[in-house]
Amino acid sequence: DMTLTEFKFIWYMEYSHRMWGRVVGLAYI
């Protein structure tokens, strides 16, 4: 019964985590 809005919330959490990890990597390398 998950709505599209609820799915987007989870998706953006995961996407933000990945992007933040890549930014941290670039900020170091």
PDB file of all heavy atoms in Angstrom:
ATOM      1  N   ASP A   1       0.810  -1.218   0.000  1.00  0.00           N
ATOM      2  CA  ASP A   1       0.000   0.000   0.000  1.00  0.00           C
ATOM      3  C   ASP A   1       0.845   1.271   0.000  1.00  0.00           C
ATOM      4  O   ASP A   1       0.337   2.358   0.275  1.00  0.00           O
ATOM      5  CB  ASP A   1      -0.929   0.002   1.230  1.00  0.00           C
ATOM      6  CG  ASP A   1      -0.143  -0.137   2.538  1.00  0.00           C
ATOM      7  OD1 ASP A   1       1.049  -0.492   2.474  1.00  0.00           O
ATOM      8  OD2 ASP A   1      -0.740   0.101   3.604  1.00  0.00           O
ATOM      9  N   MET A   2       2.125   1.162  -0.313  1.00  0.00           N
ATOM     10  CA  MET A   2       2.981   2.342  -0.324  1.00  0.00           C
ATOM     11  C   MET A   2       2.574   3.289  -1.449  1.00  0.00           C
ATOM     12  O   MET A   2       2.367   2.870  -2.595  1.00  0.00           O
ATOM     13  CB  MET A   2       4.451   1.947  -0.496  1.00  0.00           C
ATOM     14  CG  MET A   2       5.407   3.131  -0.545  1.00  0.00           C
ATOM     15  SD  MET A   2       7.132   2.639  -0.759  1.00  0.00           S
ATOM     16  CE  MET A   2       7.516   2.095   0.889  1.00  0.00           C
ATOM     17  N   THR A   3       2.448   4.569  -1.121  1.00  0.00           N
ATOM     18  CA  THR A   3       2.109   5.573  -2.126  1.00  0.00           C
ATOM     19  C   THR A   3       3.382   6.055  -2.818  1.00  0.00           C
ATOM     20  O   THR A   3       4.503   5.809  -2.354  1.00  0.00           O
ATOM     21  CB  THR A   3       1.407   6.780  -1.480  1.00  0.00           C
ATOM     22  OG1 THR A   3       2.331   7.427  -0.593  1.00  0.00           O
ATOM     23  CG2 THR A   3       0.169   6.338  -0.711  1.00  0.00           C
ATOM     24  N   LEU A   4       3.211   6.759  -3.928  1.00  0.00           N
ATOM     25  CA  LEU A   4       4.349   7.283  -4.670  1.00  0.00           C
ATOM     26  C   LEU A   4       5.129   8.284  -3.818  1.00  0.00           C
ATOM     27  O   LEU A   4       6.367   8.307  -3.845  1.00  0.00           O
ATOM     28  CB  LEU A   4       3.871   7.953  -5.967  1.00  0.00           C
ATOM     29  CG  LEU A   4       4.969   8.496  -6.886  1.00  0.00           C
ATOM     30  CD1 LEU A   4       5.907   7.387  -7.321  1.00  0.00           C
ATOM     31  CD2 LEU A   4       4.350   9.185  -8.100  1.00  0.00           C
ATOM     32  N   THR A   5       4.411   9.089  -3.033  1.00  0.00           N
ATOM     33  CA  THR A   5       5.076  10.081  -2.170  1.00  0.00           C
ATOM     34  C   THR A   5       5.945   9.393  -1.120  1.00  0.00           C
ATOM     35  O   THR A   5       7.073   9.814  -0.845  1.00  0.00           O
ATOM     36  CB  THR A   5       4.026  10.959  -1.469  1.00  0.00           C
ATOM     37  OG1 THR A   5       3.216  11.601  -2.466  1.00  0.00           O
ATOM     38  CG2 THR A   5       4.706  12.021  -0.609  1.00  0.00           C
ATOM     39  N   GLU A   6       5.433   8.307  -0.522  1.00  0.00           N
ATOM     40  CA  GLU A   6       6.197   7.554   0.473  1.00  0.00           C
ATOM     41  C   GLU A   6       7.425   6.900  -0.159  1.00  0.00           C
ATOM     42  O   GLU A   6       8.510   6.866   0.439  1.00  0.00           O
ATOM     43  CB  GLU A   6       5.305   6.500   1.129  1.00  0.00           C
ATOM     44  CG  GLU A   6       4.228   7.089   2.037  1.00  0.00           C
ATOM     45  CD  GLU A   6       3.209   6.052   2.470  1.00  0.00           C
ATOM     46  OE1 GLU A   6       3.045   5.031   1.767  1.00  0.00           O
ATOM     47  OE2 GLU A   6       2.574   6.267   3.514  1.00  0.00           O
ATOM     48  N   PHE A   7       7.250   6.397  -1.379  1.00  0.00           N
ATOM     49  CA  PHE A   7       8.387   5.789  -2.063  1.00  0.00           C
ATOM     50  C   PHE A   7       9.455   6.835  -2.381  1.00  0.00           C
ATOM     51  O   PHE A   7      10.655   6.582  -2.222  1.00  0.00           O
ATOM     52  CB  PHE A   7       7.921   5.121  -3.363  1.00  0.00           C
ATOM     53  CG  PHE A   7       9.066   4.633  -4.214  1.00  0.00           C
ATOM     54  CD1 PHE A   7       9.746   3.467  -3.891  1.00  0.00           C
ATOM     55  CD2 PHE A   7       9.487   5.351  -5.328  1.00  0.00           C
ATOM     56  CE1 PHE A   7      10.817   3.028  -4.662  1.00  0.00           C
ATOM     57  CE2 PHE A   7      10.551   4.926  -6.096  1.00  0.00           C
ATOM     58  CZ  PHE A   7      11.212   3.754  -5.764  1.00  0.00           C
ATOM     59  N   LYS A   8       9.022   8.018  -2.797  1.00  0.00           N
ATOM     60  CA  LYS A   8       9.979   9.083  -3.117  1.00  0.00           C
ATOM     61  C   LYS A   8      10.789   9.480  -1.894  1.00  0.00           C
ATOM     62  O   LYS A   8      11.983   9.770  -2.003  1.00  0.00           O
ATOM     63  CB  LYS A   8       9.233  10.314  -3.654  1.00  0.00           C
ATOM     64  CG  LYS A   8       8.773  10.183  -5.101  1.00  0.00           C
ATOM     65  CD  LYS A   8       8.089  11.461  -5.552  1.00  0.00           C
ATOM     66  CE  LYS A   8       7.686  11.384  -7.019  1.00  0.00           C
ATOM     67  NZ  LYS A   8       7.035  12.630  -7.464  1.00  0.00           N
ATOM     68  N   PHE A   9      10.151   9.484  -0.724  1.00  0.00           N
ATOM     69  CA  PHE A   9      10.860   9.844   0.511  1.00  0.00           C
ATOM     70  C   PHE A   9      12.017   8.869   0.761  1.00  0.00           C
ATOM     71  O   PHE A   9      13.153   9.275   1.036  1.00  0.00           O
ATOM     72  CB  PHE A   9       9.895   9.836   1.694  1.00  0.00           C
ATOM     73  CG  PHE A   9      10.554  10.090   3.020  1.00  0.00           C
ATOM     74  CD1 PHE A   9      10.980  11.369   3.358  1.00  0.00           C
ATOM     75  CD2 PHE A   9      10.760   9.052   3.923  1.00  0.00           C
ATOM     76  CE1 PHE A   9      11.597  11.614   4.584  1.00  0.00           C
ATOM     77  CE2 PHE A   9      11.384   9.289   5.146  1.00  0.00           C
ATOM     78  CZ  PHE A   9      11.798  10.567   5.467  1.00  0.00           C
ATOM     79  N   ILE A  10      11.734   7.564   0.644  1.00  0.00           N
ATOM     80  CA  ILE A  10      12.774   6.548   0.843  1.00  0.00           C
ATOM     81  C   ILE A  10      13.830   6.653  -0.245  1.00  0.00           C
ATOM     82  O   ILE A  10      15.035   6.562   0.013  1.00  0.00           O
ATOM     83  CB  ILE A  10      12.140   5.137   0.858  1.00  0.00           C
ATOM     84  CG1 ILE A  10      11.226   4.974   2.068  1.00  0.00           C
ATOM     85  CG2 ILE A  10      13.215   4.061   0.868  1.00  0.00           C
ATOM     86  CD1 ILE A  10      10.460   3.680   2.085  1.00  0.00           C
ATOM     87  N   TRP A  11      13.386   6.861  -1.478  1.00  0.00           N
ATOM     88  CA  TRP A  11      14.316   6.934  -2.609  1.00  0.00           C
ATOM     89  C   TRP A  11      15.276   8.105  -2.446  1.00  0.00           C
ATOM     90  O   TRP A  11      16.485   7.952  -2.657  1.00  0.00           O
ATOM     91  CB  TRP A  11      13.525   7.087  -3.913  1.00  0.00           C
ATOM     92  CG  TRP A  11      14.385   6.970  -5.147  1.00  0.00           C
ATOM     93  CD1 TRP A  11      14.672   5.830  -5.838  1.00  0.00           C
ATOM     94  CD2 TRP A  11      15.059   8.046  -5.821  1.00  0.00           C
ATOM     95  NE1 TRP A  11      15.496   6.132  -6.901  1.00  0.00           N
ATOM     96  CE2 TRP A  11      15.755   7.475  -6.916  1.00  0.00           C
ATOM     97  CE3 TRP A  11      15.154   9.424  -5.607  1.00  0.00           C
ATOM     98  CZ2 TRP A  11      16.521   8.233  -7.794  1.00  0.00           C
ATOM     99  CZ3 TRP A  11      15.925  10.172  -6.480  1.00  0.00           C
ATOM    100  CH2 TRP A  11      16.592   9.594  -7.567  1.00  0.00           C
ATOM    101  N   TYR A  12      14.757   9.256  -2.038  1.00  0.00           N
ATOM    102  CA  TYR A  12      15.623  10.428  -1.878  1.00  0.00           C
ATOM    103  C   TYR A  12      16.585  10.268  -0.705  1.00  0.00           C
ATOM    104  O   TYR A  12      17.700  10.792  -0.737  1.00  0.00           O
ATOM    105  CB  TYR A  12      14.782  11.703  -1.709  1.00  0.00           C
ATOM    106  CG  TYR A  12      14.316  12.276  -3.025  1.00  0.00           C
ATOM    107  CD1 TYR A  12      12.958  12.371  -3.324  1.00  0.00           C
ATOM    108  CD2 TYR A  12      15.231  12.713  -3.974  1.00  0.00           C
ATOM    109  CE1 TYR A  12      12.535  12.884  -4.535  1.00  0.00           C
ATOM    110  CE2 TYR A  12      14.810  13.232  -5.192  1.00  0.00           C
ATOM    111  CZ  TYR A  12      13.449  13.314  -5.470  1.00  0.00           C
ATOM    112  OH  TYR A  12      13.046  13.818  -6.676  1.00  0.00           O
ATOM    113  N   MET A  13      16.164   9.558   0.344  1.00  0.00           N
ATOM    114  CA  MET A  13      17.093   9.275   1.448  1.00  0.00           C
ATOM    115  C   MET A  13      18.277   8.459   0.945  1.00  0.00           C
ATOM    116  O   MET A  13      19.441   8.764   1.240  1.00  0.00           O
ATOM    117  CB  MET A  13      16.370   8.518   2.563  1.00  0.00           C
ATOM    118  CG  MET A  13      15.467   9.377   3.433  1.00  0.00           C
ATOM    119  SD  MET A  13      14.702   8.413   4.747  1.00  0.00           S
ATOM    120  CE  MET A  13      16.113   7.949   5.718  1.00  0.00           C
ATOM    121  N   GLU A  14      17.982   7.403   0.186  1.00  0.00           N
ATOM    122  CA  GLU A  14      19.045   6.545  -0.349  1.00  0.00           C
ATOM    123  C   GLU A  14      19.907   7.319  -1.361  1.00  0.00           C
ATOM    124  O   GLU A  14      21.144   7.236  -1.332  1.00  0.00           O
ATOM    125  CB  GLU A  14      18.417   5.311  -1.013  1.00  0.00           C
ATOM    126  CG  GLU A  14      19.392   4.414  -1.744  1.00  0.00           C
ATOM    127  CD  GLU A  14      20.406   3.748  -0.824  1.00  0.00           C
ATOM    128  OE1 GLU A  14      20.143   3.659   0.386  1.00  0.00           O
ATOM    129  OE2 GLU A  14      21.467   3.327  -1.332  1.00  0.00           O
ATOM    130  N   TYR A  15      19.270   8.079  -2.216  1.00  0.00           N
ATOM    131  CA  TYR A  15      19.997   8.848  -3.239  1.00  0.00           C
ATOM    132  C   TYR A  15      20.913   9.886  -2.581  1.00  0.00           C
ATOM    133  O   TYR A  15      22.071  10.048  -2.975  1.00  0.00           O
ATOM    134  CB  TYR A  15      18.984   9.548  -4.160  1.00  0.00           C
ATOM    135  CG  TYR A  15      19.620  10.348  -5.269  1.00  0.00           C
ATOM    136  CD1 TYR A  15      20.165   9.706  -6.389  1.00  0.00           C
ATOM    137  CD2 TYR A  15      19.671  11.741  -5.213  1.00  0.00           C
ATOM    138  CE1 TYR A  15      20.751  10.442  -7.410  1.00  0.00           C
ATOM    139  CE2 TYR A  15      20.252  12.477  -6.227  1.00  0.00           C
ATOM    140  CZ  TYR A  15      20.788  11.827  -7.318  1.00  0.00           C
ATOM    141  OH  TYR A  15      21.367  12.555  -8.326  1.00  0.00           O
ATOM    142  N   SER A  16      20.397  10.561  -1.551  1.00  0.00           N
ATOM    143  CA  SER A  16      21.204  11.570  -0.848  1.00  0.00           C
ATOM    144  C   SER A  16      22.411  10.930  -0.169  1.00  0.00           C
ATOM    145  O   SER A  16      23.506  11.494  -0.175  1.00  0.00           O
ATOM    146  CB  SER A  16      20.345  12.287   0.205  1.00  0.00           C
ATOM    147  OG  SER A  16      19.248  12.934  -0.400  1.00  0.00           O
ATOM    148  N   HIS A  17      22.205   9.749   0.401  1.00  0.00           N
ATOM    149  CA  HIS A  17      23.308   9.042   1.057  1.00  0.00           C
ATOM    150  C   HIS A  17      24.408   8.705   0.046  1.00  0.00           C
ATOM    151  O   HIS A  17      25.604   8.884   0.320  1.00  0.00           O
ATOM    152  CB  HIS A  17      22.778   7.768   1.711  1.00  0.00           C
ATOM    153  CG  HIS A  17      23.833   6.946   2.389  1.00  0.00           C
ATOM    154  ND1 HIS A  17      24.496   7.370   3.520  1.00  0.00           N
ATOM    155  CD2 HIS A  17      24.362   5.724   2.099  1.00  0.00           C
ATOM    156  CE1 HIS A  17      25.370   6.461   3.894  1.00  0.00           C
ATOM    157  NE2 HIS A  17      25.318   5.453   3.047  1.00  0.00           N
ATOM    158  N   ARG A  18      24.001   8.229  -1.115  1.00  0.00           N
ATOM    159  CA  ARG A  18      24.988   7.887  -2.151  1.00  0.00           C
ATOM    160  C   ARG A  18      25.723   9.135  -2.640  1.00  0.00           C
ATOM    161  O   ARG A  18      26.950   9.124  -2.794  1.00  0.00           O
ATOM    162  CB  ARG A  18      24.294   7.201  -3.326  1.00  0.00           C
ATOM    163  CG  ARG A  18      23.720   5.836  -2.990  1.00  0.00           C
ATOM    164  CD  ARG A  18      23.159   5.175  -4.234  1.00  0.00           C
ATOM    165  NE  ARG A  18      22.498   3.928  -3.907  1.00  0.00           N
ATOM    166  CZ  ARG A  18      22.302   2.940  -4.791  1.00  0.00           C
ATOM    167  NH1 ARG A  18      22.729   3.080  -6.032  1.00  0.00           N
ATOM    168  NH2 ARG A  18      21.688   1.833  -4.434  1.00  0.00           N
ATOM    169  N   MET A  19      24.967  10.186  -2.914  1.00  0.00           N
ATOM    170  CA  MET A  19      25.592  11.409  -3.411  1.00  0.00           C
ATOM    171  C   MET A  19      26.538  12.018  -2.365  1.00  0.00           C
ATOM    172  O   MET A  19      27.619  12.496  -2.701  1.00  0.00           O
ATOM    173  CB  MET A  19      24.516  12.442  -3.795  1.00  0.00           C
ATOM    174  CG  MET A  19      23.694  12.072  -5.018  1.00  0.00           C
ATOM    175  SD  MET A  19      24.697  11.837  -6.507  1.00  0.00           S
ATOM    176  CE  MET A  19      24.629  10.049  -6.679  1.00  0.00           C
ATOM    177  N   TRP A  20      26.107  11.978  -1.109  1.00  0.00           N
ATOM    178  CA  TRP A  20      26.950  12.524  -0.035  1.00  0.00           C
ATOM    179  C   TRP A  20      28.244  11.715   0.079  1.00  0.00           C
ATOM    180  O   TRP A  20      29.323  12.281   0.260  1.00  0.00           O
ATOM    181  CB  TRP A  20      26.183  12.498   1.285  1.00  0.00           C
ATOM    182  CG  TRP A  20      26.932  13.137   2.422  1.00  0.00           C
ATOM    183  CD1 TRP A  20      27.508  12.515   3.482  1.00  0.00           C
ATOM    184  CD2 TRP A  20      27.192  14.533   2.603  1.00  0.00           C
ATOM    185  NE1 TRP A  20      28.111  13.424   4.320  1.00  0.00           N
ATOM    186  CE2 TRP A  20      27.930  14.676   3.802  1.00  0.00           C
ATOM    187  CE3 TRP A  20      26.866  15.670   1.869  1.00  0.00           C
ATOM    188  CZ2 TRP A  20      28.356  15.911   4.281  1.00  0.00           C
ATOM    189  CZ3 TRP A  20      27.290  16.909   2.351  1.00  0.00           C
ATOM    190  CH2 TRP A  20      28.025  17.022   3.531  1.00  0.00           C
ATOM    191  N   GLY A  21      28.136  10.389  -0.043  1.00  0.00           N
ATOM    192  CA  GLY A  21      29.323   9.535  -0.008  1.00  0.00           C
ATOM    193  C   GLY A  21      30.283   9.868  -1.134  1.00  0.00           C
ATOM    194  O   GLY A  21      31.504   9.908  -0.937  1.00  0.00           O
ATOM    195  N   ARG A  22      29.753  10.139  -2.326  1.00  0.00           N
ATOM    196  CA  ARG A  22      30.609  10.487  -3.469  1.00  0.00           C
ATOM    197  C   ARG A  22      31.260  11.857  -3.279  1.00  0.00           C
ATOM    198  O   ARG A  22      32.426  12.053  -3.631  1.00  0.00           O
ATOM    199  CB  ARG A  22      29.785  10.457  -4.759  1.00  0.00           C
ATOM    200  CG  ARG A  22      29.418   9.038  -5.176  1.00  0.00           C
ATOM    201  CD  ARG A  22      28.330   8.993  -6.212  1.00  0.00           C
ATOM    202  NE  ARG A  22      27.942   7.606  -6.491  1.00  0.00           N
ATOM    203  CZ  ARG A  22      26.850   7.250  -7.135  1.00  0.00           C
ATOM    204  NH1 ARG A  22      26.005   8.172  -7.562  1.00  0.00           N
ATOM    205  NH2 ARG A  22      26.573   5.974  -7.348  1.00  0.00           N
ATOM    206  N   VAL A  23      30.501  12.790  -2.713  1.00  0.00           N
ATOM    207  CA  VAL A  23      31.067  14.119  -2.431  1.00  0.00           C
ATOM    208  C   VAL A  23      32.200  14.016  -1.416  1.00  0.00           C
ATOM    209  O   VAL A  23      33.253  14.643  -1.568  1.00  0.00           O
ATOM    210  CB  VAL A  23      29.962  15.084  -1.929  1.00  0.00           C
ATOM    211  CG1 VAL A  23      30.576  16.358  -1.359  1.00  0.00           C
ATOM    212  CG2 VAL A  23      29.000  15.427  -3.056  1.00  0.00           C
ATOM    213  N   VAL A  24      31.990  13.209  -0.379  1.00  0.00           N
ATOM    214  CA  VAL A  24      33.038  13.007   0.632  1.00  0.00           C
ATOM    215  C   VAL A  24      34.285  12.414  -0.013  1.00  0.00           C
ATOM    216  O   VAL A  24      35.414  12.829   0.268  1.00  0.00           O
ATOM    217  CB  VAL A  24      32.522  12.085   1.771  1.00  0.00           C
ATOM    218  CG1 VAL A  24      33.667  11.647   2.663  1.00  0.00           C
ATOM    219  CG2 VAL A  24      31.467  12.805   2.600  1.00  0.00           C
ATOM    220  N   GLY A  25      34.085  11.429  -0.897  1.00  0.00           N
ATOM    221  CA  GLY A  25      35.210  10.812  -1.591  1.00  0.00           C
ATOM    222  C   GLY A  25      35.991  11.818  -2.426  1.00  0.00           C
ATOM    223  O   GLY A  25      37.223  11.866  -2.372  1.00  0.00           O
ATOM    224  N   LEU A  26      35.275  12.653  -3.186  1.00  0.00           N
ATOM    225  CA  LEU A  26      35.927  13.670  -4.010  1.00  0.00           C
ATOM    226  C   LEU A  26      36.607  14.724  -3.151  1.00  0.00           C
ATOM    227  O   LEU A  26      37.694  15.216  -3.491  1.00  0.00           O
ATOM    228  CB  LEU A  26      34.905  14.329  -4.934  1.00  0.00           C
ATOM    229  CG  LEU A  26      34.362  13.453  -6.075  1.00  0.00           C
ATOM    230  CD1 LEU A  26      33.249  14.183  -6.820  1.00  0.00           C
ATOM    231  CD2 LEU A  26      35.488  13.072  -7.033  1.00  0.00           C
ATOM    232  N   ALA A  27      35.961  15.084  -2.026  1.00  0.00           N
ATOM    233  CA  ALA A  27      36.539  16.089  -1.128  1.00  0.00           C
ATOM    234  C   ALA A  27      37.843  15.605  -0.516  1.00  0.00           C
ATOM    235  O   ALA A  27      38.665  16.412  -0.079  1.00  0.00           O
ATOM    236  CB  ALA A  27      35.541  16.429  -0.022  1.00  0.00           C
ATOM    237  N   TYR A  28      38.038  14.306  -0.495  1.00  0.00           N
ATOM    238  CA  TYR A  28      39.303  13.779   0.016  1.00  0.00           C
ATOM    239  C   TYR A  28      40.309  13.546  -1.121  1.00  0.00           C
ATOM    240  O   TYR A  28      41.464  13.975  -1.040  1.00  0.00           O
ATOM    241  CB  TYR A  28      39.079  12.458   0.764  1.00  0.00           C
ATOM    242  CG  TYR A  28      40.394  11.883   1.242  1.00  0.00           C
ATOM    243  CD1 TYR A  28      41.012  12.378   2.382  1.00  0.00           C
ATOM    244  CD2 TYR A  28      41.054  10.909   0.507  1.00  0.00           C
ATOM    245  CE1 TYR A  28      42.240  11.906   2.795  1.00  0.00           C
ATOM    246  CE2 TYR A  28      42.286  10.435   0.905  1.00  0.00           C
ATOM    247  CZ  TYR A  28      42.872  10.931   2.045  1.00  0.00           C
ATOM    248  OH  TYR A  28      44.100  10.478   2.431  1.00  0.00           O
ATOM    249  N   ILE A  29      39.868  12.871  -2.183  1.00  0.00           N
ATOM    250  CA  ILE A  29      40.790  12.439  -3.235  1.00  0.00           C
ATOM    251  C   ILE A  29      41.344  13.609  -4.047  1.00  0.00           C
ATOM    252  O   ILE A  29      42.551  13.654  -4.349  1.00  0.00           O
ATOM    253  CB  ILE A  29      40.084  11.415  -4.154  1.00  0.00           C
ATOM    254  CG1 ILE A  29      39.808  10.127  -3.367  1.00  0.00           C
ATOM    255  CG2 ILE A  29      40.929  11.107  -5.386  1.00  0.00           C
ATOM    256  CD1 ILE A  29      38.942   9.124  -4.100  1.00  0.00           C
TER     257      ILE A  29
END
